[in-house]
C-alpha atoms as a PDB file:
ATOM      1  CA  MET A   1      -0.042   0.019  -0.028  1.00  0.00           C
ATOM      2  CA  THR A   2       1.462   3.335  -1.007  1.00  0.00           C
ATOM      3  CA  ALA A   3       0.571   6.841   0.298  1.00  0.00           C
ATOM      4  CA  GLU A   4      -2.514   6.686  -2.090  1.00  0.00           C
ATOM      5  CA  ARG A   5      -3.951   3.552  -0.415  1.00  0.00           C
ATOM      6  CA  LEU A   6      -3.030   5.009   2.998  1.00  0.00           C
ATOM      7  CA  LEU A   7      -5.277   7.953   2.223  1.00  0.00           C
ATOM      8  CA  SER A   8      -8.159   5.451   1.977  1.00  0.00           C
ATOM      9  CA  THR A   9      -7.453   3.521   5.127  1.00  0.00           C
ATOM     10  CA  PRO A  10      -9.992   4.065   7.796  1.00  0.00           C
ATOM     11  CA  LEU A  11      -8.893   6.007  10.900  1.00  0.00           C
ATOM     12  CA  GLY A  12      -8.014   3.768  13.862  1.00  0.00           C
ATOM     13  CA  THR A  13      -6.495   1.050  11.757  1.00  0.00           C
ATOM     14  CA  ARG A  14      -3.207  -0.329  13.034  1.00  0.00           C
ATOM     15  CA  VAL A  15      -0.633   0.096  10.194  1.00  0.00           C
ATOM     16  CA  VAL A  16       3.078   0.095   9.675  1.00  0.00           C
ATOM     17  CA  VAL A  17       4.509   2.877   7.434  1.00  0.00           C
ATOM     18  CA  ARG A  18       7.958   2.898   5.917  1.00  0.00           C
ATOM     19  CA  SER A  19       9.091   6.361   5.142  1.00  0.00           C
ATOM     20  CA  TYR A  20      12.274   8.426   4.054  1.00  0.00           C
ATOM     21  CA  ILE A  21      14.040  10.468   6.688  1.00  0.00           C
ATOM     22  CA  GLU A  22      17.105  12.717   6.841  1.00  0.00           C
ATOM     23  CA  GLY A  23      17.014  14.046   3.217  1.00  0.00           C
ATOM     24  CA  GLY A  24      15.646  10.767   1.662  1.00  0.00           C
ATOM     25  CA  GLU A  25      18.874   8.794   2.162  1.00  0.00           C
ATOM     26  CA  ARG A  26      17.535   6.624   5.001  1.00  0.00           C
ATOM     27  CA  ALA A  27      14.221   5.098   5.849  1.00  0.00           C
ATOM     28  CA  THR A  28      12.396   4.192   9.070  1.00  0.00           C
ATOM     29  CA  ASP A  29       9.295   2.269   9.974  1.00  0.00           C
ATOM     30  CA  THR A  30       6.446   3.667  12.101  1.00  0.00           C
ATOM     31  CA  LEU A  31       4.038   1.287  13.757  1.00  0.00           C
ATOM     32  CA  GLY A  32       0.847   2.443  15.310  1.00  0.00           C
ATOM     33  CA  HIS A  33      -2.762   3.447  14.741  1.00  0.00           C
ATOM     34  CA  LEU A  34      -3.684   5.861  11.983  1.00  0.00           C
ATOM     35  CA  GLU A  35      -4.841   8.902  13.839  1.00  0.00           C
ATOM     36  CA  ALA A  36      -5.346  11.521  11.333  1.00  0.00           C
ATOM     37  CA  LEU A  37      -5.040  12.122   7.441  1.00  0.00           C
ATOM     38  CA  ALA A  38      -4.614  15.345   5.457  1.00  0.00           C
ATOM     39  CA  ASP A  39      -3.908  15.774   1.702  1.00  0.00           C
ATOM     40  CA  ASP A  40      -0.078  15.857   2.464  1.00  0.00           C
ATOM     41  CA  ALA A  41       0.470  14.114   5.838  1.00  0.00           C
ATOM     42  CA  ALA A  42      -0.648  11.136   8.057  1.00  0.00           C
ATOM     43  CA  THR A  43      -0.426  11.112  11.747  1.00  0.00           C
ATOM     44  CA  ILE A  44       0.269   7.655  13.399  1.00  0.00           C
ATOM     45  CA  ARG A  45      -0.263   7.175  17.159  1.00  0.00           C
ATOM     46  CA  THR A  46       2.639   4.997  18.434  1.00  0.00           C
ATOM     47  CA  ARG A  47       3.382   3.731  21.775  1.00  0.00           C
ATOM     48  CA  SER A  48       5.723   6.730  22.356  1.00  0.00           C
ATOM     49  CA  GLY A  49       3.374   9.419  21.063  1.00  0.00           C
ATOM     50  CA  SER A  50       2.032  10.711  17.731  1.00  0.00           C
ATOM     51  CA  VAL A  51       4.207  10.841  14.683  1.00  0.00           C
ATOM     52  CA  THR A  52       3.439  12.902  11.531  1.00  0.00           C
ATOM     53  CA  ILE A  53       4.772  11.667   8.153  1.00  0.00           C
ATOM     54  CA  ALA A  54       4.659  13.582   4.931  1.00  0.00           C
ATOM     55  CA  LEU A  55       2.932  11.470   2.292  1.00  0.00           C
ATOM     56  CA  ALA A  56       5.599  12.424  -0.094  1.00  0.00           C
ATOM     57  CA  ASN A  57       8.179  10.510   2.064  1.00  0.00           C
ATOM     58  CA  VAL A  58       6.014   7.349   2.283  1.00  0.00           C
ATOM     59  CA  ILE A  59       7.692   4.294   0.534  1.00  0.00           C
ATOM     60  CA  LEU A  60       5.291   1.562   1.633  1.00  0.00           C
ATOM     61  CA  SER A  61       2.425   1.135   4.131  1.00  0.00           C
ATOM     62  CA  LYS A  62       0.070  -1.557   5.000  1.00  0.00           C
ATOM     63  CA  PRO A  63      -2.470  -2.471   7.728  1.00  0.00           C
ATOM     64  CA  VAL A  64      -1.291  -4.981  10.381  1.00  0.00           C
ATOM     65  CA  PRO A  65      -3.172  -7.149  12.839  1.00  0.00           C
ATOM     66  CA  PRO A  66      -3.753  -5.963  16.306  1.00  0.00           C
ATOM     67  CA  ALA A  67      -0.899  -6.266  18.803  1.00  0.00           C
ATOM     68  CA  PRO A  68      -0.778  -9.527  20.768  1.00  0.00           C
ATOM     69  CA  ALA A  69      -2.170  -9.423  24.317  1.00  0.00           C
ATOM     70  CA  ARG A  70       0.567  -8.612  26.839  1.00  0.00           C
ATOM     71  CA  ARG A  71       1.762 -11.592  28.798  1.00  0.00           C
ATOM     72  CA  ARG A  72       1.871 -11.698  32.489  1.00  0.00           C
ATOM     73  CA  ARG A  73       5.262 -11.690  34.012  1.00  0.00           C
ATOM     74  CA  ARG A  74       6.187 -15.029  35.561  1.00  0.00           C
ATOM     75  CA  SER A  75       7.250 -14.956  39.139  1.00  0.00           C
ATOM     76  CA  ASP A  76      10.859 -15.779  39.839  1.00  0.00           C
ATOM     77  CA  PRO A  77      11.125 -19.356  40.842  1.00  0.00           C
ATOM     78  CA  ASN A  78      14.118 -18.500  43.145  1.00  0.00           C
ATOM     79  CA  THR A  79      12.034 -15.958  45.071  1.00  0.00           C
ATOM     80  CA  GLU A  80      10.150 -17.331  48.179  1.00  0.00           C
ATOM     81  CA  THR A  81       6.594 -16.133  48.793  1.00  0.00           C
ATOM     82  CA  ALA A  82       5.085 -15.779  52.183  1.00  0.00           C
END
């Protein structure tokens, strides 16, 4: 899915977006929920906050399944409980 298809993706969809950074010589992936769309940018809500990506910098994008449920921490078998 390119930037054009990203524009038709419903808000709230979990997506991964690969986009150019630092003058177009490097790329990065952004994983999160599509929060907002404009004619020239998309905003993705990630775990660490919202990221706005210029659609002109989008290389690839696609919807992804929901994140797996967080696993409970196992208790340390070397620790005694009262």
